[in-house]
Each structure stands twice: as structure tokens, then as C-alpha cells.
Amino acid sequence: MRTQFVWILSFVLFWTLGCGGLPQIQIVMPEGTPVAAAPGVRRAAKPAPSRQPAEIQVTTMAAVQVIVDGVPAPFDSQQGFVASVAPGAHRVEVINLVGRQVGAADVSVNAGERARFQYRKKTLSALSTVVASTPAPAPAPVAAAAPPPRAAAAPVQQVQPTQQVVSASAGGVTTSVSIGPGGIEMRVPTMQEMQGQAQQYQQIAAAPAPAPAAPAAMSAGSFSSLRSSVASASFSDDKLDLVRSAAARNYFSCAQVGSLVDTFAHSSDKVDAVRILRHRVVDPQNAHTLSAHFSFSDDKSTVQQMFM
């Protein structure tokens, strides 16, 4: 080994003295070996490979949230849920208002494509693939010098996606659920708010219902026509049928009941007429006035007991 080194050194010295300079030596490095750049020498940047993004779209009319690879997808009122993703395999999930998964699918999408889905009737269905609407990012140019400063651009107004809000009430307590690009947010009232709402609900429920309007007795004109019909009937059964038909739709005062009783000849028919009308009397406190329309004490007693 030492002899070889001495021989090489002698050859170099001989070449230097004979040719007037050192030989040019070319060093060949194995492929893939990193070589440090010399000071002051700027190496050209290797352009990064272009990766055009892909998209995943889910259209639905249901109040759900779409999750792509564990991240909530943005919601657009015109296109539904649209997520910009890298080309490759992805996981699409659909969850309901309470955070339960109601649909899922695995999809592989290429660069520049949009994988479309539709969630309808509790089913997540795949549709045809179309061209993505998101343009591919342009590669950044490599410049030798920094570009001149640009004027400040006008601020771009961000359009916030619409949110879906669902509210439910039970026992006077209201709970709201908001679905938006940030996910699902549930608003539950505090204990103090729940107690206040519950007390207000109980007060409304315990309030007495308004009393129904008291029925009014038959008008004078209508009663006069009825009495004439009863008085003109030839038989007692016909008279009682007219009284029974009128009692089904009208109310009477004790004075009107006594006037109808006077149209009957037999005392038993008079008692039957009172029995038909007793539940349609608007002033039962004046029932004692009916005794004047009967001749026998037994009939008077029977009539008074009907109103006790």
C-alpha cells in the first residue's frame, strides 16, 4: 500500500515538471450522492410536481352534516356540501342532528375530477363523476431578483355559507341545533333558563279556561211561532213531539215553559212537557213559578222535584 502511494506521488510530480501544470482530474460520483454547492453558487430549484386538486360533492335536502376524512365539508346553498381534497382515496360520512352516522362511502378520485354523491331517503348514493370546478394552482415562478412591491389589493368580502337551524320544544324548554360549515352546534338552555321557561309554561297551563257564554232563551218572535204551532195541534202526542223537537235546538225561560204548559188540557201531559224542557231552562232558580200552572198538589210537587 505504501509503495503504491509513493508511485502515484512520483507520477504526479513527474507530470507537473514535464507538462508545466497539474493534470485535470474528473471526479465521478455515484448517482444519487448529494454534492454541496460551492460558496456563492446558487443552485436552480427543482420545480415541484403539479398536483391538481379533486373535489367531493354531496347534495341533500335533509338536515345533516357531511364529513370528509374526519373534517366537516363546507356547505353551499346552490351545490350542497363540496370539499376540495387531494387525489386519492377518501372516506365520506353523513351524520344526523344528534351526531349519529346515517350514511358512509369510500371513494377514490383522480386529479381534476369531482366525485358526486346524493343523500336521499336515508341512503348515500354515488352519482357520475364530472370535471372539478376548482382550478389547479399555478406553479410559483423562480425569479433571480425579488419582484417590485405590488399595490395593496382591495379586501375580498367573505361570503359565509348559510346555516340550518332546527329548534324543538318540550315542556316549555326550547333546544336549538345549528348545522354549518364548522359542524353541528347544539344550544341547550341553562338550568336557570329552563326553570324560568318551565314556570312560565306551568302558569299558562294552570290558567283557568274562560267560562262559556250562558245560553239565551228563545227570542220572543220564535217562541210565539212555536206556541201557536203547539196550541193548534189536535192531539197531545203531536203537541209533545213539537215541544221535544224545539227543545233539541233551543233554550227556554221558566215563563216560556209555563206558557207552553198552558196549551195542554190534561195534567199528565203538562208534567211530561216540563220533564222534556227541564234541562233546557236558563233560569232554574225561577222554577217555583211553574206551580201556578198546575191544579193538583201532587203535580206541583213533582215539577218542583225535577229542579232540585
C-alpha atoms as a PDB file:
ATOM      1  CA  MET A   1       0.000   0.000   0.000  1.00  0.00           C
ATOM      2  CA  ARG A   2       2.841   2.391   0.916  1.00  0.00           C
ATOM      3  CA  THR A   3       4.682   1.506  -2.287  1.00  0.00           C
ATOM      4  CA  GLN A   4       1.598   2.373  -4.391  1.00  0.00           C
ATOM      5  CA  PHE A   5       1.240   5.760  -2.704  1.00  0.00           C
ATOM      6  CA  VAL A   6       4.889   6.628  -3.396  1.00  0.00           C
ATOM      7  CA  TRP A   7       4.480   5.576  -7.027  1.00  0.00           C
ATOM      8  CA  ILE A   8       1.393   7.784  -7.520  1.00  0.00           C
ATOM      9  CA  LEU A   9       3.116  10.783  -5.892  1.00  0.00           C
ATOM     10  CA  SER A  10       6.129  10.360  -8.140  1.00  0.00           C
ATOM     11  CA  PHE A  11       3.910  10.195 -11.219  1.00  0.00           C
ATOM     12  CA  VAL A  12       2.190  13.460 -10.268  1.00  0.00           C
ATOM     13  CA  LEU A  13       5.482  15.254  -9.677  1.00  0.00           C
ATOM     14  CA  PHE A  14       6.843  13.964 -12.972  1.00  0.00           C
ATOM     15  CA  TRP A  15       3.789  15.155 -14.873  1.00  0.00           C
ATOM     16  CA  THR A  16       3.938  18.557 -13.212  1.00  0.00           C
ATOM     17  CA  LEU A  17       7.544  19.106 -14.066  1.00  0.00           C
ATOM     18  CA  GLY A  18       7.221  17.767 -17.587  1.00  0.00           C
ATOM     19  CA  CYS A  19       3.936  19.456 -18.640  1.00  0.00           C
ATOM     20  CA  GLY A  20       4.054  22.625 -16.586  1.00  0.00           C
ATOM     21  CA  GLY A  21       0.909  22.097 -14.514  1.00  0.00           C
ATOM     22  CA  LEU A  22      -1.289  19.695 -12.566  1.00  0.00           C
ATOM     23  CA  PRO A  23      -3.426  17.282 -14.524  1.00  0.00           C
ATOM     24  CA  GLN A  24      -7.121  17.828 -14.776  1.00  0.00           C
ATOM     25  CA  ILE A  25      -8.832  15.196 -12.603  1.00  0.00           C
ATOM     26  CA  GLN A  26     -12.524  14.478 -13.141  1.00  0.00           C
ATOM     27  CA  ILE A  27     -14.284  13.042 -10.113  1.00  0.00           C
ATOM     28  CA  VAL A  28     -17.244  10.844 -10.956  1.00  0.00           C
ATOM     29  CA  MET A  29     -19.712  10.489  -8.068  1.00  0.00           C
ATOM     30  CA  PRO A  30     -22.253   7.667  -7.851  1.00  0.00           C
ATOM     31  CA  GLU A  31     -25.752   8.601  -8.957  1.00  0.00           C
ATOM     32  CA  GLY A  32     -27.848   9.985  -6.095  1.00  0.00           C
ATOM     33  CA  THR A  33     -24.844  11.159  -3.972  1.00  0.00           C
ATOM     34  CA  PRO A  34     -25.530  14.693  -2.602  1.00  0.00           C
ATOM     35  CA  VAL A  35     -22.907  17.274  -3.557  1.00  0.00           C
ATOM     36  CA  ALA A  36     -22.630  20.518  -1.568  1.00  0.00           C
ATOM     37  CA  ALA A  37     -22.701  23.673  -3.668  1.00  0.00           C
ATOM     38  CA  ALA A  38     -19.685  25.939  -3.674  1.00  0.00           C
ATOM     39  CA  PRO A  39     -19.963  29.227  -1.768  1.00  0.00           C
ATOM     40  CA  GLY A  40     -21.606  31.948  -3.858  1.00  0.00           C
ATOM     41  CA  VAL A  41     -23.075  29.477  -6.371  1.00  0.00           C
ATOM     42  CA  ARG A  42     -26.936  29.378  -6.437  1.00  0.00           C
ATOM     43  CA  ARG A  43     -28.407  26.093  -7.449  1.00  0.00           C
ATOM     44  CA  ALA A  44     -31.574  26.201  -9.587  1.00  0.00           C
ATOM     45  CA  ALA A  45     -34.628  24.986  -7.667  1.00  0.00           C
ATOM     46  CA  LYS A  46     -36.163  21.806  -8.949  1.00  0.00           C
ATOM     47  CA  PRO A  47     -39.787  22.501  -9.890  1.00  0.00           C
ATOM     48  CA  ALA A  48     -42.313  20.719  -7.663  1.00  0.00           C
ATOM     49  CA  PRO A  49     -44.622  18.288  -9.396  1.00  0.00           C
ATOM     50  CA  SER A  50     -48.038  19.782 -10.158  1.00  0.00           C
ATOM     51  CA  ARG A  51     -50.912  18.267  -8.168  1.00  0.00           C
ATOM     52  CA  GLN A  52     -54.284  19.375  -9.391  1.00  0.00           C
ATOM     53  CA  PRO A  53     -56.876  19.114  -6.581  1.00  0.00           C
ATOM     54  CA  ALA A  54     -60.014  16.998  -6.693  1.00  0.00           C
ATOM     55  CA  GLU A  55     -63.488  17.531  -5.210  1.00  0.00           C
ATOM     56  CA  ILE A  56     -66.166  15.533  -3.382  1.00  0.00           C
ATOM     57  CA  GLN A  57     -69.774  16.779  -3.569  1.00  0.00           C
ATOM     58  CA  VAL A  58     -72.821  15.573  -1.588  1.00  0.00           C
ATOM     59  CA  THR A  59     -76.263  17.015  -2.395  1.00  0.00           C
ATOM     60  CA  THR A  60     -79.177  16.556   0.015  1.00  0.00           C
ATOM     61  CA  MET A  61     -82.366  18.186   1.288  1.00  0.00           C
ATOM     62  CA  ALA A  62     -82.062  16.618   4.750  1.00  0.00           C
ATOM     63  CA  ALA A  63     -80.750  18.385   7.861  1.00  0.00           C
ATOM     64  CA  VAL A  64     -77.424  16.528   8.063  1.00  0.00           C
ATOM     65  CA  GLN A  65     -73.670  17.241   8.111  1.00  0.00           C
ATOM     66  CA  VAL A  66     -71.162  15.718   5.661  1.00  0.00           C
ATOM     67  CA  ILE A  67     -67.729  14.680   6.971  1.00  0.00           C
ATOM     68  CA  VAL A  68     -64.818  14.014   4.561  1.00  0.00           C
ATOM     69  CA  ASP A  69     -61.786  12.306   6.131  1.00  0.00           C
ATOM     70  CA  GLY A  70     -62.937  13.447   9.589  1.00  0.00           C
ATOM     71  CA  VAL A  71     -63.315  17.134   8.574  1.00  0.00           C
ATOM     72  CA  PRO A  72     -66.764  18.827   8.117  1.00  0.00           C
ATOM     73  CA  ALA A  73     -67.336  19.706   4.472  1.00  0.00           C
ATOM     74  CA  PRO A  74     -68.300  23.326   3.619  1.00  0.00           C
ATOM     75  CA  PHE A  75     -71.986  23.847   2.761  1.00  0.00           C
ATOM     76  CA  ASP A  76     -73.140  25.857  -0.256  1.00  0.00           C
ATOM     77  CA  SER A  77     -76.814  26.707  -0.771  1.00  0.00           C
ATOM     78  CA  GLN A  78     -76.529  26.053  -4.531  1.00  0.00           C
ATOM     79  CA  GLN A  79     -74.267  22.969  -4.694  1.00  0.00           C
ATOM     80  CA  GLY A  80     -74.692  21.381  -1.260  1.00  0.00           C
ATOM     81  CA  PHE A  81     -71.600  20.078   0.548  1.00  0.00           C
ATOM     82  CA  VAL A  82     -68.392  20.444  -1.551  1.00  0.00           C
ATOM     83  CA  ALA A  83     -64.939  19.534  -0.183  1.00  0.00           C
ATOM     84  CA  SER A  84     -61.644  20.147  -2.032  1.00  0.00           C
ATOM     85  CA  VAL A  85     -59.338  17.149  -1.497  1.00  0.00           C
ATOM     86  CA  ALA A  86     -56.091  15.713  -2.807  1.00  0.00           C
ATOM     87  CA  PRO A  87     -56.301  12.972  -5.439  1.00  0.00           C
ATOM     88  CA  GLY A  88     -56.598   9.514  -3.931  1.00  0.00           C
ATOM     89  CA  ALA A  89     -58.831   7.503  -1.607  1.00  0.00           C
ATOM     90  CA  HIS A  90     -61.143   9.278   0.832  1.00  0.00           C
ATOM     91  CA  ARG A  91     -63.862   8.477   3.389  1.00  0.00           C
ATOM     92  CA  VAL A  92     -67.255  10.239   3.133  1.00  0.00           C
ATOM     93  CA  GLU A  93     -69.665  10.135   6.115  1.00  0.00           C
ATOM     94  CA  VAL A  94     -73.130  11.615   6.732  1.00  0.00           C
ATOM     95  CA  ILE A  95     -74.276  12.314  10.313  1.00  0.00           C
ATOM     96  CA  ASN A  96     -77.651  13.473  11.627  1.00  0.00           C
ATOM     97  CA  LEU A  97     -78.573  16.160  14.179  1.00  0.00           C
ATOM     98  CA  VAL A  98     -77.590  14.041  17.178  1.00  0.00           C
ATOM     99  CA  GLY A  99     -74.186  13.095  15.718  1.00  0.00           C
ATOM    100  CA  ARG A 100     -75.140   9.569  14.616  1.00  0.00           C
ATOM    101  CA  GLN A 101     -73.767   8.244  11.320  1.00  0.00           C
ATOM    102  CA  VAL A 102     -76.586   7.637   8.810  1.00  0.00           C
ATOM    103  CA  GLY A 103     -74.514   7.022   5.676  1.00  0.00           C
ATOM    104  CA  ALA A 104     -70.899   6.372   4.601  1.00  0.00           C
ATOM    105  CA  ALA A 105     -68.882   5.545   1.491  1.00  0.00           C
ATOM    106  CA  ASP A 106     -65.256   5.114   0.375  1.00  0.00           C
ATOM    107  CA  VAL A 107     -64.286   6.833  -2.867  1.00  0.00           C
ATOM    108  CA  SER A 108     -61.129   7.207  -4.965  1.00  0.00           C
ATOM    109  CA  VAL A 109     -60.984  10.407  -7.015  1.00  0.00           C
ATOM    110  CA  ASN A 110     -58.418  11.467  -9.604  1.00  0.00           C
ATOM    111  CA  ALA A 111     -56.896  14.911 -10.073  1.00  0.00           C
ATOM    112  CA  GLY A 112     -59.277  17.389 -11.710  1.00  0.00           C
ATOM    113  CA  GLU A 113     -62.373  15.244 -11.046  1.00  0.00           C
ATOM    114  CA  ARG A 114     -65.406  15.733  -8.815  1.00  0.00           C
ATOM    115  CA  ALA A 115     -66.915  12.633  -7.181  1.00  0.00           C
ATOM    116  CA  ARG A 116     -70.626  13.251  -6.686  1.00  0.00           C
ATOM    117  CA  PHE A 117     -72.990  11.699  -4.125  1.00  0.00           C
ATOM    118  CA  GLN A 118     -76.657  12.166  -3.206  1.00  0.00           C
ATOM    119  CA  TYR A 119     -78.136  11.538   0.260  1.00  0.00           C
ATOM    120  CA  ARG A 120     -81.875  10.872  -0.031  1.00  0.00           C
ATOM    121  CA  LYS A 121     -84.304   8.711   1.961  1.00  0.00           C
ATOM    122  CA  LYS A 122     -81.567   7.703   4.436  1.00  0.00           C
ATOM    123  CA  THR A 123     -79.353   6.373   1.595  1.00  0.00           C
ATOM    124  CA  LEU A 124     -76.000   7.745   0.339  1.00  0.00           C
ATOM    125  CA  SER A 125     -75.811   7.009  -3.422  1.00  0.00           C
ATOM    126  CA  ALA A 126     -72.882   7.597  -5.787  1.00  0.00           C
ATOM    127  CA  LEU A 127     -73.523   9.595  -8.969  1.00  0.00           C
ATOM    128  CA  SER A 128     -71.449  10.079 -12.114  1.00  0.00           C
ATOM    129  CA  THR A 129     -68.020  11.737 -11.854  1.00  0.00           C
ATOM    130  CA  VAL A 130     -67.603  15.150 -13.514  1.00  0.00           C
ATOM    131  CA  VAL A 131     -64.823  17.677 -14.032  1.00  0.00           C
ATOM    132  CA  ALA A 132     -63.901  19.545 -10.850  1.00  0.00           C
ATOM    133  CA  SER A 133     -64.666  23.248 -10.691  1.00  0.00           C
ATOM    134  CA  THR A 134     -61.616  24.153  -8.577  1.00  0.00           C
ATOM    135  CA  PRO A 135     -58.713  25.256 -10.848  1.00  0.00           C
ATOM    136  CA  ALA A 136     -55.270  23.746 -10.373  1.00  0.00           C
ATOM    137  CA  PRO A 137     -52.800  26.029  -8.513  1.00  0.00           C
ATOM    138  CA  ALA A 138     -50.250  27.669 -10.825  1.00  0.00           C
ATOM    139  CA  PRO A 139     -46.565  26.863 -10.059  1.00  0.00           C
ATOM    140  CA  ALA A 140     -44.659  29.697  -8.421  1.00  0.00           C
ATOM    141  CA  PRO A 141     -42.068  31.217 -10.831  1.00  0.00           C
ATOM    142  CA  VAL A 142     -38.405  31.211  -9.795  1.00  0.00           C
ATOM    143  CA  ALA A 143     -37.021  34.736 -10.111  1.00  0.00           C
ATOM    144  CA  ALA A 144     -33.428  35.865  -9.774  1.00  0.00           C
ATOM    145  CA  ALA A 145     -34.427  39.058  -8.009  1.00  0.00           C
ATOM    146  CA  ALA A 146     -37.308  39.935  -5.749  1.00  0.00           C
ATOM    147  CA  PRO A 147     -40.260  41.430  -7.689  1.00  0.00           C
ATOM    148  CA  PRO A 148     -41.223  45.049  -7.054  1.00  0.00           C
ATOM    149  CA  PRO A 149     -43.805  45.535  -4.313  1.00  0.00           C
ATOM    150  CA  ARG A 150     -47.412  45.463  -5.522  1.00  0.00           C
ATOM    151  CA  ALA A 151     -50.161  47.797  -4.515  1.00  0.00           C
ATOM    152  CA  ALA A 152     -52.397  46.537  -1.729  1.00  0.00           C
ATOM    153  CA  ALA A 153     -55.360  44.675  -3.187  1.00  0.00           C
ATOM    154  CA  ALA A 154     -58.870  45.568  -2.157  1.00  0.00           C
ATOM    155  CA  PRO A 155     -60.173  43.311   0.622  1.00  0.00           C
ATOM    156  CA  VAL A 156     -62.337  40.463  -0.628  1.00  0.00           C
ATOM    157  CA  GLN A 157     -65.605  40.079   1.222  1.00  0.00           C
ATOM    158  CA  GLN A 158     -66.026  36.566   2.503  1.00  0.00           C
ATOM    159  CA  VAL A 159     -69.429  35.056   1.851  1.00  0.00           C
ATOM    160  CA  GLN A 160     -70.447  32.953   4.817  1.00  0.00           C
ATOM    161  CA  PRO A 161     -72.248  29.710   3.981  1.00  0.00           C
ATOM    162  CA  THR A 162     -75.804  29.508   5.136  1.00  0.00           C
ATOM    163  CA  GLN A 163     -76.610  27.572   8.266  1.00  0.00           C
ATOM    164  CA  GLN A 164     -79.544  25.300   9.021  1.00  0.00           C
ATOM    165  CA  VAL A 165     -81.169  25.781  12.423  1.00  0.00           C
ATOM    166  CA  VAL A 166     -83.630  23.316  13.915  1.00  0.00           C
ATOM    167  CA  SER A 167     -85.481  24.043  17.165  1.00  0.00           C
ATOM    168  CA  ALA A 168     -87.552  21.736  19.348  1.00  0.00           C
ATOM    169  CA  SER A 169     -89.660  22.480  22.435  1.00  0.00           C
ATOM    170  CA  ALA A 170     -90.767  20.116  25.177  1.00  0.00           C
ATOM    171  CA  GLY A 171     -92.356  21.082  28.470  1.00  0.00           C
ATOM    172  CA  GLY A 172     -91.742  24.762  27.828  1.00  0.00           C
ATOM    173  CA  VAL A 173     -87.956  24.287  27.270  1.00  0.00           C
ATOM    174  CA  THR A 174     -86.533  25.076  23.801  1.00  0.00           C
ATOM    175  CA  THR A 175     -83.373  23.403  22.421  1.00  0.00           C
ATOM    176  CA  SER A 176     -81.817  24.527  19.089  1.00  0.00           C
ATOM    177  CA  VAL A 177     -79.349  22.713  16.800  1.00  0.00           C
ATOM    178  CA  SER A 178     -77.273  24.671  14.231  1.00  0.00           C
ATOM    179  CA  ILE A 179     -75.638  22.907  11.239  1.00  0.00           C
ATOM    180  CA  GLY A 180     -72.971  24.822   9.326  1.00  0.00           C
ATOM    181  CA  PRO A 181     -69.502  24.518   7.814  1.00  0.00           C
ATOM    182  CA  GLY A 182     -67.985  24.263  11.275  1.00  0.00           C
ATOM    183  CA  GLY A 183     -70.035  21.221  12.204  1.00  0.00           C
ATOM    184  CA  ILE A 184     -73.029  20.715  14.476  1.00  0.00           C
ATOM    185  CA  GLU A 185     -73.620  23.059  17.409  1.00  0.00           C
ATOM    186  CA  MET A 186     -76.337  22.333  19.972  1.00  0.00           C
ATOM    187  CA  ARG A 187     -77.690  25.143  22.162  1.00  0.00           C
ATOM    188  CA  VAL A 188     -79.148  23.817  25.420  1.00  0.00           C
ATOM    189  CA  PRO A 189     -80.643  26.353  27.881  1.00  0.00           C
ATOM    190  CA  THR A 190     -79.039  26.767  31.282  1.00  0.00           C
ATOM    191  CA  MET A 191     -80.723  25.412  34.402  1.00  0.00           C
ATOM    192  CA  GLN A 192     -81.947  28.904  35.324  1.00  0.00           C
ATOM    193  CA  GLU A 193     -83.428  29.422  31.848  1.00  0.00           C
ATOM    194  CA  MET A 194     -85.083  26.002  31.945  1.00  0.00           C
ATOM    195  CA  GLN A 195     -86.648  26.730  35.342  1.00  0.00           C
ATOM    196  CA  GLY A 196     -87.953  30.098  34.144  1.00  0.00           C
ATOM    197  CA  GLN A 197     -89.418  28.619  30.959  1.00  0.00           C
ATOM    198  CA  ALA A 198     -90.956  25.718  32.888  1.00  0.00           C
ATOM    199  CA  GLN A 199     -92.607  28.066  35.399  1.00  0.00           C
ATOM    200  CA  GLN A 200     -93.989  30.201  32.585  1.00  0.00           C
ATOM    201  CA  TYR A 201     -95.350  27.089  30.871  1.00  0.00           C
ATOM    202  CA  GLN A 202     -96.964  25.885  34.124  1.00  0.00           C
ATOM    203  CA  GLN A 203     -98.592  29.262  34.699  1.00  0.00           C
ATOM    204  CA  ILE A 204    -100.097  29.205  31.224  1.00  0.00           C
ATOM    205  CA  ALA A 205    -101.280  25.609  31.652  1.00  0.00           C
ATOM    206  CA  ALA A 206    -102.803  26.347  35.087  1.00  0.00           C
ATOM    207  CA  ALA A 207    -104.693  29.431  33.935  1.00  0.00           C
ATOM    208  CA  PRO A 208    -108.435  28.703  34.037  1.00  0.00           C
ATOM    209  CA  ALA A 209    -110.199  28.454  30.721  1.00  0.00           C
ATOM    210  CA  PRO A 210    -112.692  31.227  30.029  1.00  0.00           C
ATOM    211  CA  ALA A 211    -116.202  30.287  31.083  1.00  0.00           C
ATOM    212  CA  PRO A 212    -118.523  29.556  28.167  1.00  0.00           C
ATOM    213  CA  ALA A 213    -121.184  32.114  27.443  1.00  0.00           C
ATOM    214  CA  ALA A 214    -124.509  31.380  29.175  1.00  0.00           C
ATOM    215  CA  PRO A 215    -127.207  30.170  26.751  1.00  0.00           C
ATOM    216  CA  ALA A 216    -130.001  32.596  25.932  1.00  0.00           C
ATOM    217  CA  ALA A 217    -133.685  31.759  25.911  1.00  0.00           C
ATOM    218  CA  MET A 218    -135.672  31.656  22.687  1.00  0.00           C
ATOM    219  CA  SER A 219    -136.444  35.039  21.192  1.00  0.00           C
ATOM    220  CA  ALA A 220    -139.981  36.377  21.648  1.00  0.00           C
ATOM    221  CA  GLY A 221    -140.808  36.061  17.934  1.00  0.00           C
ATOM    222  CA  SER A 222    -139.546  32.467  17.616  1.00  0.00           C
ATOM    223  CA  PHE A 223    -141.317  31.399  20.819  1.00  0.00           C
ATOM    224  CA  SER A 224    -144.606  32.969  19.718  1.00  0.00           C
ATOM    225  CA  SER A 225    -144.485  30.938  16.491  1.00  0.00           C
ATOM    226  CA  LEU A 226    -143.692  27.732  18.426  1.00  0.00           C
ATOM    227  CA  ARG A 227    -146.525  28.253  20.914  1.00  0.00           C
ATOM    228  CA  SER A 228    -149.012  28.808  18.106  1.00  0.00           C
ATOM    229  CA  SER A 229    -147.955  25.518  16.476  1.00  0.00           C
ATOM    230  CA  VAL A 230    -148.283  23.581  19.733  1.00  0.00           C
ATOM    231  CA  ALA A 231    -151.687  25.139  20.553  1.00  0.00           C
ATOM    232  CA  SER A 232    -153.070  24.321  17.101  1.00  0.00           C
ATOM    233  CA  ALA A 233    -152.076  20.625  17.274  1.00  0.00           C
ATOM    234  CA  SER A 234    -155.109  18.341  17.798  1.00  0.00           C
ATOM    235  CA  PHE A 235    -153.559  15.521  19.842  1.00  0.00           C
ATOM    236  CA  SER A 236    -151.390  15.519  22.956  1.00  0.00           C
ATOM    237  CA  ASP A 237    -148.752  13.306  21.340  1.00  0.00           C
ATOM    238  CA  ASP A 238    -148.381  15.777  18.474  1.00  0.00           C
ATOM    239  CA  LYS A 239    -148.023  18.640  20.941  1.00  0.00           C
ATOM    240  CA  LEU A 240    -145.325  16.776  22.886  1.00  0.00           C
ATOM    241  CA  ASP A 241    -143.475  15.961  19.662  1.00  0.00           C
ATOM    242  CA  LEU A 242    -143.361  19.665  18.762  1.00  0.00           C
ATOM    243  CA  VAL A 243    -142.063  20.521  22.246  1.00  0.00           C
ATOM    244  CA  ARG A 244    -139.451  17.754  22.047  1.00  0.00           C
ATOM    245  CA  SER A 245    -138.231  18.951  18.608  1.00  0.00           C
ATOM    246  CA  ALA A 246    -137.937  22.571  19.792  1.00  0.00           C
ATOM    247  CA  ALA A 247    -136.061  21.564  22.957  1.00  0.00           C
ATOM    248  CA  ALA A 248    -133.378  19.861  20.888  1.00  0.00           C
ATOM    249  CA  ARG A 249    -132.256  23.209  19.397  1.00  0.00           C
ATOM    250  CA  ASN A 250    -133.381  25.966  21.784  1.00  0.00           C
ATOM    251  CA  TYR A 251    -133.385  27.124  25.411  1.00  0.00           C
ATOM    252  CA  PHE A 252    -136.361  28.417  27.412  1.00  0.00           C
ATOM    253  CA  SER A 253    -137.133  30.561  30.414  1.00  0.00           C
ATOM    254  CA  CYS A 254    -139.485  29.387  33.159  1.00  0.00           C
ATOM    255  CA  ALA A 255    -142.088  31.888  31.895  1.00  0.00           C
ATOM    256  CA  GLN A 256    -141.938  30.310  28.415  1.00  0.00           C
ATOM    257  CA  VAL A 257    -142.197  26.794  29.880  1.00  0.00           C
ATOM    258  CA  GLY A 258    -145.332  27.811  31.821  1.00  0.00           C
ATOM    259  CA  SER A 259    -146.848  29.323  28.657  1.00  0.00           C
ATOM    260  CA  LEU A 260    -146.317  26.023  26.786  1.00  0.00           C
ATOM    261  CA  VAL A 261    -147.775  24.029  29.698  1.00  0.00           C
ATOM    262  CA  ASP A 262    -150.993  26.037  29.420  1.00  0.00           C
ATOM    263  CA  THR A 263    -151.555  24.702  25.864  1.00  0.00           C
ATOM    264  CA  PHE A 264    -152.131  21.177  27.278  1.00  0.00           C
ATOM    265  CA  ALA A 265    -155.526  20.087  28.673  1.00  0.00           C
ATOM    266  CA  HIS A 266    -154.520  17.088  30.796  1.00  0.00           C
ATOM    267  CA  SER A 267    -152.321  17.458  33.861  1.00  0.00           C
ATOM    268  CA  SER A 268    -150.199  14.400  32.962  1.00  0.00           C
ATOM    269  CA  ASP A 269    -149.343  15.972  29.593  1.00  0.00           C
ATOM    270  CA  LYS A 270    -148.368  19.187  31.369  1.00  0.00           C
ATOM    271  CA  VAL A 271    -145.992  17.266  33.631  1.00  0.00           C
ATOM    272  CA  ASP A 272    -144.490  15.481  30.589  1.00  0.00           C
ATOM    273  CA  ALA A 273    -143.928  18.835  28.861  1.00  0.00           C
ATOM    274  CA  VAL A 274    -141.977  20.136  31.885  1.00  0.00           C
ATOM    275  CA  ARG A 275    -139.975  16.908  32.014  1.00  0.00           C
ATOM    276  CA  ILE A 276    -138.931  17.441  28.359  1.00  0.00           C
ATOM    277  CA  LEU A 277    -137.919  21.085  28.886  1.00  0.00           C
ATOM    278  CA  ARG A 278    -136.306  20.960  32.340  1.00  0.00           C
ATOM    279  CA  HIS A 279    -132.718  20.519  31.039  1.00  0.00           C
ATOM    280  CA  ARG A 280    -133.125  23.450  28.622  1.00  0.00           C
ATOM    281  CA  VAL A 281    -134.250  26.025  31.228  1.00  0.00           C
ATOM    282  CA  VAL A 282    -131.891  29.029  31.557  1.00  0.00           C
ATOM    283  CA  ASP A 283    -133.270  30.235  34.916  1.00  0.00           C
ATOM    284  CA  PRO A 284    -133.937  27.168  37.096  1.00  0.00           C
ATOM    285  CA  GLN A 285    -133.994  29.448  40.171  1.00  0.00           C
ATOM    286  CA  ASN A 286    -137.444  30.576  38.985  1.00  0.00           C
ATOM    287  CA  ALA A 287    -138.862  27.050  38.841  1.00  0.00           C
ATOM    288  CA  HIS A 288    -141.258  27.837  41.726  1.00  0.00           C
ATOM    289  CA  THR A 289    -143.295  29.993  39.331  1.00  0.00           C
ATOM    290  CA  LEU A 290    -144.361  26.862  37.443  1.00  0.00           C
ATOM    291  CA  SER A 291    -146.591  25.740  40.317  1.00  0.00           C
ATOM    292  CA  ALA A 292    -149.188  28.334  39.285  1.00  0.00           C
ATOM    293  CA  HIS A 293    -149.762  26.394  36.042  1.00  0.00           C
ATOM    294  CA  PHE A 294    -150.896  23.194  37.827  1.00  0.00           C
ATOM    295  CA  SER A 295    -154.112  22.489  39.756  1.00  0.00           C
ATOM    296  CA  PHE A 296    -153.142  19.402  41.783  1.00  0.00           C
ATOM    297  CA  SER A 297    -150.628  19.466  44.627  1.00  0.00           C
ATOM    298  CA  ASP A 298    -149.061  16.169  43.520  1.00  0.00           C
ATOM    299  CA  ASP A 299    -148.277  17.651  40.082  1.00  0.00           C
ATOM    300  CA  LYS A 300    -146.822  20.773  41.704  1.00  0.00           C
ATOM    301  CA  SER A 301    -144.598  18.648  43.956  1.00  0.00           C
ATOM    302  CA  THR A 302    -143.443  16.501  41.028  1.00  0.00           C
ATOM    303  CA  VAL A 303    -142.490  19.555  38.974  1.00  0.00           C
ATOM    304  CA  GLN A 304    -140.533  21.164  41.825  1.00  0.00           C
ATOM    305  CA  GLN A 305    -138.561  17.949  42.449  1.00  0.00           C
ATOM    306  CA  MET A 306    -137.405  17.996  38.807  1.00  0.00           C
ATOM    307  CA  PHE A 307    -135.345  21.161  39.501  1.00  0.00           C
ATOM    308  CA  MET A 308    -133.789  20.046  42.814  1.00  0.00           C
END
